[in-house]
Amino acid sequence: MIHTYPPLNLEVRTPRLTLAGATDELLERLVPVVRAGVATTAPWPFDDPMSLYADSPDREWRWLRGIWAGRARVDPGFWRLYFVVLLDGEPIGMQDLIGVDFTKYGTVSTFSWLAPGRRGSGLGKEMRAAVLHLAFAGLGAREAGSDAFIDNHASNQVSRALGYEPNGTTWDTRRGEAAPIQRWRLTREAWVRRDDIELAGVQECLPALGLG
């Protein structure tokens, strides 16, 4: 289905998975994963506040409202692209790309989560590689940032494996408790471009983001 709003038509395809613009139809298919619980054991992966910590059904409602509100806020100072991760056509998680003052600085950051049963097989790295390809090859980003709690070893390992460099530490709270965060930085020069990732719908999306 072709949508009137171009960000919903964006796709990034790799040999293993597809990032598809998070339409309401795809979000509805992802609801059972959210309902089952994405973060169920410590160490807790997400900063406060985070809808994925809430009890069902408030969890699903807050998650959907957050995405709807994020999709609606697009201006020169901020945009966020939401993607549903598809593996053999099955929704298994989300990967977001965030730009803050992108036209000034050319910097982006990322956020993602995977269904618990899909972790540990390299899909997190593949998702990040896909969205980095969109950022650098599709949007012309200069730099990508990421951060994760220091004990979120999976996320930090993905950053390390993709060539990010440590970029200091900070603090945040998760479920009301303070914990240290590792920051990461990947420059355009350090990014390793792959030739097996395809982009679709980028040119049509640029005016909607104020980039064309």
Protein backbone atom coordinates (compact mmCIF):
# COMPACT_ATOMS: atom_id res chain seq x y z
CA MET A 1 0.00 0.00 0.00
CA ILE A 2 1.34 3.44 -0.95
CA HIS A 3 0.72 6.01 1.78
CA THR A 4 0.16 9.73 1.32
CA TYR A 5 2.77 10.51 3.99
CA PRO A 6 6.21 9.65 2.51
CA PRO A 7 7.99 8.50 5.72
CA LEU A 8 5.52 5.61 5.92
CA ASN A 9 6.74 4.38 2.52
CA LEU A 10 10.42 4.24 3.49
CA GLU A 11 12.10 0.84 3.40
CA VAL A 12 15.62 -0.40 4.06
CA ARG A 13 16.30 -3.95 2.87
CA THR A 14 19.24 -6.18 3.78
CA PRO A 15 19.76 -9.86 2.93
CA ARG A 16 18.43 -10.77 6.40
CA LEU A 17 15.64 -8.30 7.19
CA THR A 18 13.62 -5.25 6.17
CA LEU A 19 13.02 -2.00 8.00
CA ALA A 20 9.58 -0.80 6.93
CA GLY A 21 7.98 2.54 7.77
CA ALA A 22 5.86 2.01 10.88
CA THR A 23 2.34 2.19 9.49
CA ASP A 24 -0.60 1.56 11.79
CA GLU A 25 -1.10 -1.79 10.07
CA LEU A 26 2.42 -2.92 10.95
CA LEU A 27 2.18 -1.54 14.48
CA GLU A 28 -1.00 -3.53 15.03
CA ARG A 29 0.81 -6.69 13.95
CA LEU A 30 3.57 -5.87 16.45
CA VAL A 31 1.17 -5.36 19.39
CA PRO A 32 1.30 -9.05 20.50
CA VAL A 33 5.08 -8.77 20.96
CA VAL A 34 4.70 -5.61 23.05
CA ARG A 35 1.88 -7.19 25.04
CA ALA A 36 4.01 -10.24 25.81
CA GLY A 37 6.73 -7.99 27.24
CA VAL A 38 9.91 -6.65 25.71
CA ALA A 39 11.75 -5.80 28.95
CA THR A 40 11.00 -8.45 31.55
CA THR A 41 14.24 -8.97 33.49
CA ALA A 42 17.15 -6.91 34.78
CA PRO A 43 19.38 -5.31 33.69
CA TRP A 44 16.69 -2.97 32.40
CA PRO A 45 17.66 -1.63 28.96
CA PHE A 46 15.60 1.56 28.60
CA ASP A 47 15.76 5.06 30.09
CA ASP A 48 12.83 6.51 32.02
CA PRO A 49 10.11 7.16 31.07
CA MET A 50 9.49 4.15 28.87
CA SER A 51 6.10 2.72 27.97
CA LEU A 52 7.56 -0.78 27.62
CA TYR A 53 7.88 -0.95 31.43
CA ALA A 54 4.18 -0.28 32.01
CA ASP A 55 1.62 -2.99 32.77
CA SER A 56 -0.61 -4.29 29.98
CA PRO A 57 -2.83 -2.85 28.49
CA ASP A 58 -1.43 0.57 29.47
CA ARG A 59 1.88 -0.61 27.98
CA GLU A 60 0.43 -1.05 24.50
CA TRP A 61 -1.62 2.14 24.69
CA ARG A 62 1.31 4.30 25.79
CA TRP A 63 3.59 2.69 23.21
CA LEU A 64 1.16 3.45 20.39
CA ARG A 65 0.46 7.00 21.59
CA GLY A 66 4.19 7.68 21.81
CA ILE A 67 4.76 6.60 18.22
CA TRP A 68 1.76 8.54 16.94
CA ALA A 69 2.96 11.68 18.73
CA GLY A 70 6.51 11.17 17.46
CA ARG A 71 5.38 10.72 13.88
CA ALA A 72 3.41 13.97 14.11
CA ARG A 73 6.33 16.08 15.32
CA VAL A 74 8.43 16.90 12.27
CA ASP A 75 10.12 20.29 12.11
CA PRO A 76 13.56 21.75 11.33
CA GLY A 77 14.71 21.02 14.87
CA PHE A 78 13.50 17.46 15.27
CA TRP A 79 12.23 14.39 13.44
CA ARG A 80 12.05 10.70 14.24
CA LEU A 81 11.61 7.91 11.70
CA TYR A 82 10.00 4.77 13.09
CA PHE A 83 10.57 1.41 11.42
CA VAL A 84 9.09 -2.01 12.10
CA VAL A 85 11.69 -4.75 11.69
CA LEU A 86 10.45 -7.57 9.45
CA LEU A 87 12.08 -11.00 9.35
CA ASP A 88 10.59 -13.15 6.59
CA GLY A 89 7.59 -10.81 6.71
CA GLU A 90 7.09 -11.21 10.47
CA PRO A 91 7.33 -8.10 12.72
CA ILE A 92 9.94 -8.74 15.41
CA GLY A 93 10.92 -5.30 16.74
CA MET A 94 11.53 -1.66 15.96
CA GLN A 95 14.41 0.52 14.81
CA ASP A 96 14.20 4.32 14.98
CA LEU A 97 16.35 7.07 13.48
CA ILE A 98 16.30 10.48 15.17
CA GLY A 99 17.56 13.80 13.81
CA VAL A 100 17.99 16.87 16.04
CA ASP A 101 18.87 20.06 14.13
CA PHE A 102 19.90 17.75 11.30
CA THR A 103 20.13 20.49 8.69
CA LYS A 104 22.66 22.32 10.90
CA TYR A 105 24.78 19.47 12.19
CA GLY A 106 24.04 16.36 10.12
CA THR A 107 23.95 14.17 13.21
CA VAL A 108 21.54 11.35 14.04
CA SER A 109 20.94 8.90 16.85
CA THR A 110 19.23 5.53 16.97
CA PHE A 111 16.91 3.54 19.21
CA SER A 112 15.80 -0.07 18.84
CA TRP A 113 14.32 -3.11 20.50
CA LEU A 114 13.82 -6.74 19.54
CA ALA A 115 11.42 -9.43 20.67
CA PRO A 116 13.18 -11.42 23.42
CA GLY A 117 13.12 -14.65 21.43
CA ARG A 118 14.93 -13.01 18.51
CA ARG A 119 17.95 -11.76 20.44
CA GLY A 120 21.42 -13.21 20.29
CA SER A 121 21.51 -14.07 16.58
CA GLY A 122 23.03 -10.90 15.12
CA LEU A 123 19.75 -9.24 14.18
CA GLY A 124 20.41 -6.22 16.39
CA LYS A 125 23.63 -5.53 14.52
CA GLU A 126 21.89 -6.01 11.16
CA MET A 127 19.09 -3.59 12.13
CA ARG A 128 21.59 -0.94 13.15
CA ALA A 129 23.66 -1.44 10.00
CA ALA A 130 20.49 -0.97 7.94
CA VAL A 131 19.46 2.28 9.60
CA LEU A 132 23.03 3.60 9.44
CA HIS A 133 22.95 2.99 5.69
CA LEU A 134 19.82 5.12 5.51
CA ALA A 135 21.45 7.83 7.60
CA PHE A 136 24.76 8.03 5.76
CA ALA A 137 23.97 6.88 2.22
CA GLY A 138 20.37 8.07 2.05
CA LEU A 139 20.30 11.27 4.12
CA GLY A 140 23.95 12.32 3.98
CA ALA A 141 24.57 12.28 7.73
CA ARG A 142 27.96 13.35 9.08
CA GLU A 143 27.84 11.42 12.33
CA ALA A 144 25.71 8.89 14.21
CA GLY A 145 25.47 8.59 17.96
CA SER A 146 24.23 5.86 20.22
CA ASP A 147 24.13 5.22 23.94
CA ALA A 148 23.25 2.38 26.25
CA PHE A 149 23.47 1.55 29.92
CA ILE A 150 26.92 0.20 30.66
CA ASP A 151 25.51 -3.21 31.58
CA ASN A 152 23.51 -3.43 28.32
CA HIS A 153 26.25 -5.54 26.79
CA ALA A 154 24.31 -6.48 23.65
CA SER A 155 23.74 -2.87 22.56
CA ASN A 156 27.26 -1.80 23.42
CA GLN A 157 28.70 -4.73 21.50
CA VAL A 158 26.68 -3.77 18.42
CA SER A 159 28.13 -0.25 18.57
CA ARG A 160 31.65 -1.57 18.99
CA ALA A 161 31.26 -4.08 16.15
CA LEU A 162 30.01 -1.41 13.74
CA GLY A 163 32.99 0.88 14.32
CA TYR A 164 31.64 3.37 16.84
CA GLU A 165 34.14 4.92 19.23
CA PRO A 166 33.46 5.53 22.94
CA ASN A 167 32.29 9.10 23.45
CA GLY A 168 32.17 9.55 27.21
CA THR A 169 29.66 8.52 29.84
CA THR A 170 26.64 10.06 31.49
CA TRP A 171 23.86 9.05 33.85
CA ASP A 172 20.15 8.39 33.48
CA THR A 173 17.43 6.61 35.40
CA ARG A 174 15.68 3.36 34.65
CA ARG A 175 12.65 2.43 36.67
CA GLY A 176 13.58 5.25 39.04
CA GLU A 177 17.15 4.12 39.74
CA ALA A 178 20.23 6.01 38.52
CA ALA A 179 22.66 4.06 36.32
CA PRO A 180 25.67 4.96 34.13
CA ILE A 181 25.35 5.20 30.36
CA GLN A 182 28.04 4.64 27.74
CA ARG A 183 27.95 7.03 24.80
CA TRP A 184 29.17 6.09 21.31
CA ARG A 185 30.07 8.04 18.16
CA LEU A 186 30.41 6.91 14.53
CA THR A 187 31.72 9.38 11.96
CA ARG A 188 30.99 9.21 8.26
CA GLU A 189 34.68 8.49 7.65
CA ALA A 190 34.67 5.51 10.02
CA TRP A 191 31.38 4.07 8.71
CA VAL A 192 31.89 0.97 6.57
CA ARG A 193 29.50 1.06 3.63
CA ARG A 194 27.91 -2.21 2.55
CA ASP A 195 26.87 -2.94 -1.04
CA ASP A 196 24.04 -5.32 -0.14
CA ILE A 197 21.65 -2.84 1.50
CA GLU A 198 18.87 -1.26 -0.57
CA LEU A 199 16.90 1.92 0.12
CA ALA A 200 13.40 2.71 -1.14
CA GLY A 201 11.37 5.90 -0.91
CA VAL A 202 14.16 8.18 0.30
CA GLN A 203 13.89 10.94 -2.32
CA GLU A 204 10.14 11.26 -1.83
CA CYS A 205 10.70 11.50 1.95
CA LEU A 206 13.22 14.35 1.93
CA PRO A 207 10.72 17.24 1.56
CA ALA A 208 8.64 15.86 4.43
CA LEU A 209 11.72 16.09 6.68
CA GLY A 210 12.67 19.56 5.44
CA LEU A 211 15.68 18.16 3.59
CA GLY A 212 14.66 18.63 -0.01
